[in-house]
Amino acid sequence: MFFGRVKGAVGKAIHNILVVEDEPLVAFDNEHALEQAGFRIAATVEDYDHAVAVIDAGGVDLIIADVNLHGEKTGVDLARHARERDLPVLFVTGACPAHARELAVGCLAKPYAPRDLVGAINLVDAVLRGSARPRAPAGFHLFADPR
């Protein structure tokens, strides 16, 4: 099974998003773009420990994580934790980690436009639902593909 994918499911698979970003301006821009697109922000945090607390509390459908975070643990460590809970992770970073491809559904390269972030999430949502995919936005690489 691929991150709780339900083939042919109607409606959106992604509603609540955890934003893990240690650059305040990027975090704010992400929140704004996602809320405007109709997503709910479960939380916005800047480090591994806070992200784990939100994940473990439940109610998150997708994690958007920078790879380089403040502290000892990275976005890759966070993706490992999320994988144990069958939660998809979308990396948003300047350098997509090739060694972590099995831990995330994809990677959106920074810098990116807000529409590209929303487009990447919509594509991930389509993959999770097993439905027709929209066009991939610039700078987005889909890693995990159930087809």
C-alpha atoms as a PDB file:
ATOM      1  CA  MET A   1       0.000   0.000   0.000  1.00  0.00           C
ATOM      2  CA  PHE A   2       1.140   3.507  -0.755  1.00  0.00           C
ATOM      3  CA  PHE A   3       0.486   6.043   2.025  1.00  0.00           C
ATOM      4  CA  GLY A   4      -3.147   5.162   2.495  1.00  0.00           C
ATOM      5  CA  ARG A   5      -4.004   5.509  -1.204  1.00  0.00           C
ATOM      6  CA  VAL A   6      -7.564   4.610  -2.113  1.00  0.00           C
ATOM      7  CA  LYS A   7      -7.834   3.915  -5.844  1.00  0.00           C
ATOM      8  CA  GLY A   8     -10.670   5.785  -7.443  1.00  0.00           C
ATOM      9  CA  ALA A   9     -11.565   7.631  -4.231  1.00  0.00           C
ATOM     10  CA  VAL A  10     -13.871  10.600  -4.734  1.00  0.00           C
ATOM     11  CA  GLY A  11     -12.938  13.960  -3.251  1.00  0.00           C
ATOM     12  CA  LYS A  12      -9.612  15.077  -1.953  1.00  0.00           C
ATOM     13  CA  ALA A  13      -7.219  12.866   0.005  1.00  0.00           C
ATOM     14  CA  ILE A  14      -5.313  15.869   1.367  1.00  0.00           C
ATOM     15  CA  HIS A  15      -7.090  18.343   3.626  1.00  0.00           C
ATOM     16  CA  ASN A  16      -4.796  18.998   6.613  1.00  0.00           C
ATOM     17  CA  ILE A  17      -1.181  19.925   5.984  1.00  0.00           C
ATOM     18  CA  LEU A  18       1.728  20.187   8.390  1.00  0.00           C
ATOM     19  CA  VAL A  19       4.261  22.783   7.235  1.00  0.00           C
ATOM     20  CA  VAL A  20       7.798  22.192   8.538  1.00  0.00           C
ATOM     21  CA  GLU A  21       9.920  25.171   7.560  1.00  0.00           C
ATOM     22  CA  ASP A  22      12.568  27.065   9.525  1.00  0.00           C
ATOM     23  CA  GLU A  23      12.552  30.204   7.340  1.00  0.00           C
ATOM     24  CA  PRO A  24       9.705  32.388   8.696  1.00  0.00           C
ATOM     25  CA  LEU A  25       8.965  34.216   5.441  1.00  0.00           C
ATOM     26  CA  VAL A  26       8.801  30.961   3.448  1.00  0.00           C
ATOM     27  CA  ALA A  27       6.590  29.411   6.139  1.00  0.00           C
ATOM     28  CA  PHE A  28       4.234  32.403   6.014  1.00  0.00           C
ATOM     29  CA  ASP A  29       4.076  32.318   2.210  1.00  0.00           C
ATOM     30  CA  ASN A  30       3.352  28.571   2.288  1.00  0.00           C
ATOM     31  CA  GLU A  31       0.547  29.015   4.825  1.00  0.00           C
ATOM     32  CA  HIS A  32      -1.035  31.806   2.811  1.00  0.00           C
ATOM     33  CA  ALA A  33      -0.881  29.921  -0.504  1.00  0.00           C
ATOM     34  CA  LEU A  34      -2.271  26.726   1.007  1.00  0.00           C
ATOM     35  CA  GLU A  35      -5.107  28.447   2.842  1.00  0.00           C
ATOM     36  CA  GLN A  36      -6.043  30.346  -0.330  1.00  0.00           C
ATOM     37  CA  ALA A  37      -6.158  26.984  -2.159  1.00  0.00           C
ATOM     38  CA  GLY A  38      -8.595  25.594   0.427  1.00  0.00           C
ATOM     39  CA  PHE A  39      -6.241  23.489   2.541  1.00  0.00           C
ATOM     40  CA  ARG A  40      -6.222  23.554   6.339  1.00  0.00           C
ATOM     41  CA  ILE A  41      -2.897  24.150   8.060  1.00  0.00           C
ATOM     42  CA  ALA A  42      -2.640  21.607  10.885  1.00  0.00           C
ATOM     43  CA  ALA A  43       0.400  23.530  12.171  1.00  0.00           C
ATOM     44  CA  THR A  44       3.507  25.331  11.031  1.00  0.00           C
ATOM     45  CA  VAL A  45       6.644  24.368  12.919  1.00  0.00           C
ATOM     46  CA  GLU A  46      10.361  24.896  12.452  1.00  0.00           C
ATOM     47  CA  ASP A  47      11.965  21.766  13.867  1.00  0.00           C
ATOM     48  CA  TYR A  48      11.773  18.005  14.111  1.00  0.00           C
ATOM     49  CA  ASP A  49      10.551  17.776  17.713  1.00  0.00           C
ATOM     50  CA  HIS A  50       7.573  20.072  17.185  1.00  0.00           C
ATOM     51  CA  ALA A  51       6.715  18.326  13.909  1.00  0.00           C
ATOM     52  CA  VAL A  52       6.732  14.908  15.607  1.00  0.00           C
ATOM     53  CA  ALA A  53       4.385  16.202  18.312  1.00  0.00           C
ATOM     54  CA  VAL A  54       1.901  17.395  15.671  1.00  0.00           C
ATOM     55  CA  ILE A  55       2.183  14.156  13.677  1.00  0.00           C
ATOM     56  CA  ASP A  56       1.670  12.016  16.756  1.00  0.00           C
ATOM     57  CA  ALA A  57      -1.401  14.048  17.757  1.00  0.00           C
ATOM     58  CA  GLY A  58      -3.040  12.956  14.484  1.00  0.00           C
ATOM     59  CA  GLY A  59      -5.114  14.726  11.888  1.00  0.00           C
ATOM     60  CA  VAL A  60      -2.362  15.358   9.327  1.00  0.00           C
ATOM     61  CA  ASP A  61      -2.826  14.230   5.705  1.00  0.00           C
ATOM     62  CA  LEU A  62       0.441  15.563   4.219  1.00  0.00           C
ATOM     63  CA  ILE A  63       3.711  16.923   5.541  1.00  0.00           C
ATOM     64  CA  ILE A  64       5.547  19.606   3.606  1.00  0.00           C
ATOM     65  CA  ALA A  65       9.094  19.604   4.948  1.00  0.00           C
ATOM     66  CA  ASP A  66      12.298  21.417   4.244  1.00  0.00           C
ATOM     67  CA  VAL A  67      15.232  19.022   4.399  1.00  0.00           C
ATOM     68  CA  ASN A  68      17.527  21.339   6.373  1.00  0.00           C
ATOM     69  CA  LEU A  69      15.958  22.230   9.712  1.00  0.00           C
ATOM     70  CA  HIS A  70      17.204  23.874  12.890  1.00  0.00           C
ATOM     71  CA  GLY A  71      18.574  21.320  15.341  1.00  0.00           C
ATOM     72  CA  GLU A  72      20.190  17.920  15.019  1.00  0.00           C
ATOM     73  CA  LYS A  73      17.369  16.163  13.163  1.00  0.00           C
ATOM     74  CA  THR A  74      16.605  16.889   9.512  1.00  0.00           C
ATOM     75  CA  GLY A  75      13.596  16.699   7.238  1.00  0.00           C
ATOM     76  CA  VAL A  76      14.874  13.272   6.188  1.00  0.00           C
ATOM     77  CA  ASP A  77      14.638  12.125   9.827  1.00  0.00           C
ATOM     78  CA  LEU A  78      11.135  13.545   9.937  1.00  0.00           C
ATOM     79  CA  ALA A  79      10.209  11.663   6.758  1.00  0.00           C
ATOM     80  CA  ARG A  80      11.347   8.422   8.421  1.00  0.00           C
ATOM     81  CA  HIS A  81       9.063   9.144  11.374  1.00  0.00           C
ATOM     82  CA  ALA A  82       6.175   9.979   9.031  1.00  0.00           C
ATOM     83  CA  ARG A  83       6.732   6.794   7.032  1.00  0.00           C
ATOM     84  CA  GLU A  84       6.233   4.732  10.183  1.00  0.00           C
ATOM     85  CA  ARG A  85       2.793   6.359  10.445  1.00  0.00           C
ATOM     86  CA  ASP A  86       1.929   5.948   6.759  1.00  0.00           C
ATOM     87  CA  LEU A  87       1.955   9.726   6.161  1.00  0.00           C
ATOM     88  CA  PRO A  88       3.187  11.202   2.874  1.00  0.00           C
ATOM     89  CA  VAL A  89       5.953  13.794   2.879  1.00  0.00           C
ATOM     90  CA  LEU A  90       6.664  16.343   0.198  1.00  0.00           C
ATOM     91  CA  PHE A  91      10.165  17.797   0.447  1.00  0.00           C
ATOM     92  CA  VAL A  92      10.518  21.487  -0.379  1.00  0.00           C
ATOM     93  CA  THR A  93      14.191  22.270  -0.490  1.00  0.00           C
ATOM     94  CA  GLY A  94      17.046  23.697  -2.495  1.00  0.00           C
ATOM     95  CA  ALA A  95      18.685  20.296  -2.910  1.00  0.00           C
ATOM     96  CA  CYS A  96      16.436  17.247  -3.159  1.00  0.00           C
ATOM     97  CA  PRO A  97      18.089  14.336  -1.323  1.00  0.00           C
ATOM     98  CA  ALA A  98      18.481  11.423  -3.728  1.00  0.00           C
ATOM     99  CA  HIS A  99      19.178   9.035  -0.826  1.00  0.00           C
ATOM    100  CA  ALA A 100      15.763   9.797   0.677  1.00  0.00           C
ATOM    101  CA  ARG A 101      13.602   9.115  -2.374  1.00  0.00           C
ATOM    102  CA  GLU A 102      11.963   6.118  -0.722  1.00  0.00           C
ATOM    103  CA  LEU A 103      10.837   8.316   2.190  1.00  0.00           C
ATOM    104  CA  ALA A 104       8.917  11.009   0.312  1.00  0.00           C
ATOM    105  CA  VAL A 105       6.330  11.200  -2.430  1.00  0.00           C
ATOM    106  CA  GLY A 106       8.296  13.920  -4.167  1.00  0.00           C
ATOM    107  CA  CYS A 107      10.351  17.049  -3.993  1.00  0.00           C
ATOM    108  CA  LEU A 108       9.681  20.639  -5.013  1.00  0.00           C
ATOM    109  CA  ALA A 109      12.869  22.606  -5.603  1.00  0.00           C
ATOM    110  CA  LYS A 110      13.284  26.009  -3.950  1.00  0.00           C
ATOM    111  CA  PRO A 111      12.704  28.697  -4.891  1.00  0.00           C
ATOM    112  CA  TYR A 112       9.179  27.988  -6.083  1.00  0.00           C
ATOM    113  CA  ALA A 113       6.083  30.025  -6.805  1.00  0.00           C
ATOM    114  CA  PRO A 114       3.034  29.538  -4.564  1.00  0.00           C
ATOM    115  CA  ARG A 115       1.085  28.125  -7.540  1.00  0.00           C
ATOM    116  CA  ASP A 116       3.817  25.482  -7.971  1.00  0.00           C
ATOM    117  CA  LEU A 117       3.464  24.423  -4.331  1.00  0.00           C
ATOM    118  CA  VAL A 118      -0.295  24.083  -4.728  1.00  0.00           C
ATOM    119  CA  GLY A 119       0.198  22.283  -8.052  1.00  0.00           C
ATOM    120  CA  ALA A 120       2.622  19.800  -6.477  1.00  0.00           C
ATOM    121  CA  ILE A 121       0.143  19.066  -3.682  1.00  0.00           C
ATOM    122  CA  ASN A 122      -2.690  18.608  -6.170  1.00  0.00           C
ATOM    123  CA  LEU A 123      -0.552  16.156  -8.130  1.00  0.00           C
ATOM    124  CA  VAL A 124       0.309  14.221  -4.943  1.00  0.00           C
ATOM    125  CA  ASP A 125      -3.385  14.223  -4.045  1.00  0.00           C
ATOM    126  CA  ALA A 126      -4.260  12.758  -7.465  1.00  0.00           C
ATOM    127  CA  VAL A 127      -1.624  10.037  -7.044  1.00  0.00           C
ATOM    128  CA  LEU A 128      -2.923   9.177  -3.569  1.00  0.00           C
ATOM    129  CA  ARG A 129      -6.468   8.878  -4.936  1.00  0.00           C
ATOM    130  CA  GLY A 130      -5.386   6.953  -8.023  1.00  0.00           C
ATOM    131  CA  SER A 131      -7.028   9.494 -10.316  1.00  0.00           C
ATOM    132  CA  ALA A 132      -5.943  11.425 -13.398  1.00  0.00           C
ATOM    133  CA  ARG A 133      -2.920  13.566 -12.706  1.00  0.00           C
ATOM    134  CA  PRO A 134      -2.622  17.249 -13.388  1.00  0.00           C
ATOM    135  CA  ARG A 135       0.532  18.502 -15.079  1.00  0.00           C
ATOM    136  CA  ALA A 136       3.591  18.618 -12.815  1.00  0.00           C
ATOM    137  CA  PRO A 137       4.665  22.135 -11.857  1.00  0.00           C
ATOM    138  CA  ALA A 138       8.135  23.454 -12.615  1.00  0.00           C
ATOM    139  CA  GLY A 139      10.776  22.078 -10.269  1.00  0.00           C
ATOM    140  CA  PHE A 140       8.649  19.192  -9.004  1.00  0.00           C
ATOM    141  CA  HIS A 141       9.854  15.594  -9.070  1.00  0.00           C
ATOM    142  CA  LEU A 142       7.487  12.773  -8.167  1.00  0.00           C
ATOM    143  CA  PHE A 143       9.418  10.027  -6.353  1.00  0.00           C
ATOM    144  CA  ALA A 144       6.886   7.456  -5.224  1.00  0.00           C
ATOM    145  CA  ASP A 145       4.487   6.284  -7.885  1.00  0.00           C
ATOM    146  CA  PRO A 146       2.051   3.431  -7.262  1.00  0.00           C
ATOM    147  CA  ARG A 147       1.293   2.890 -10.970  1.00  0.00           C
END
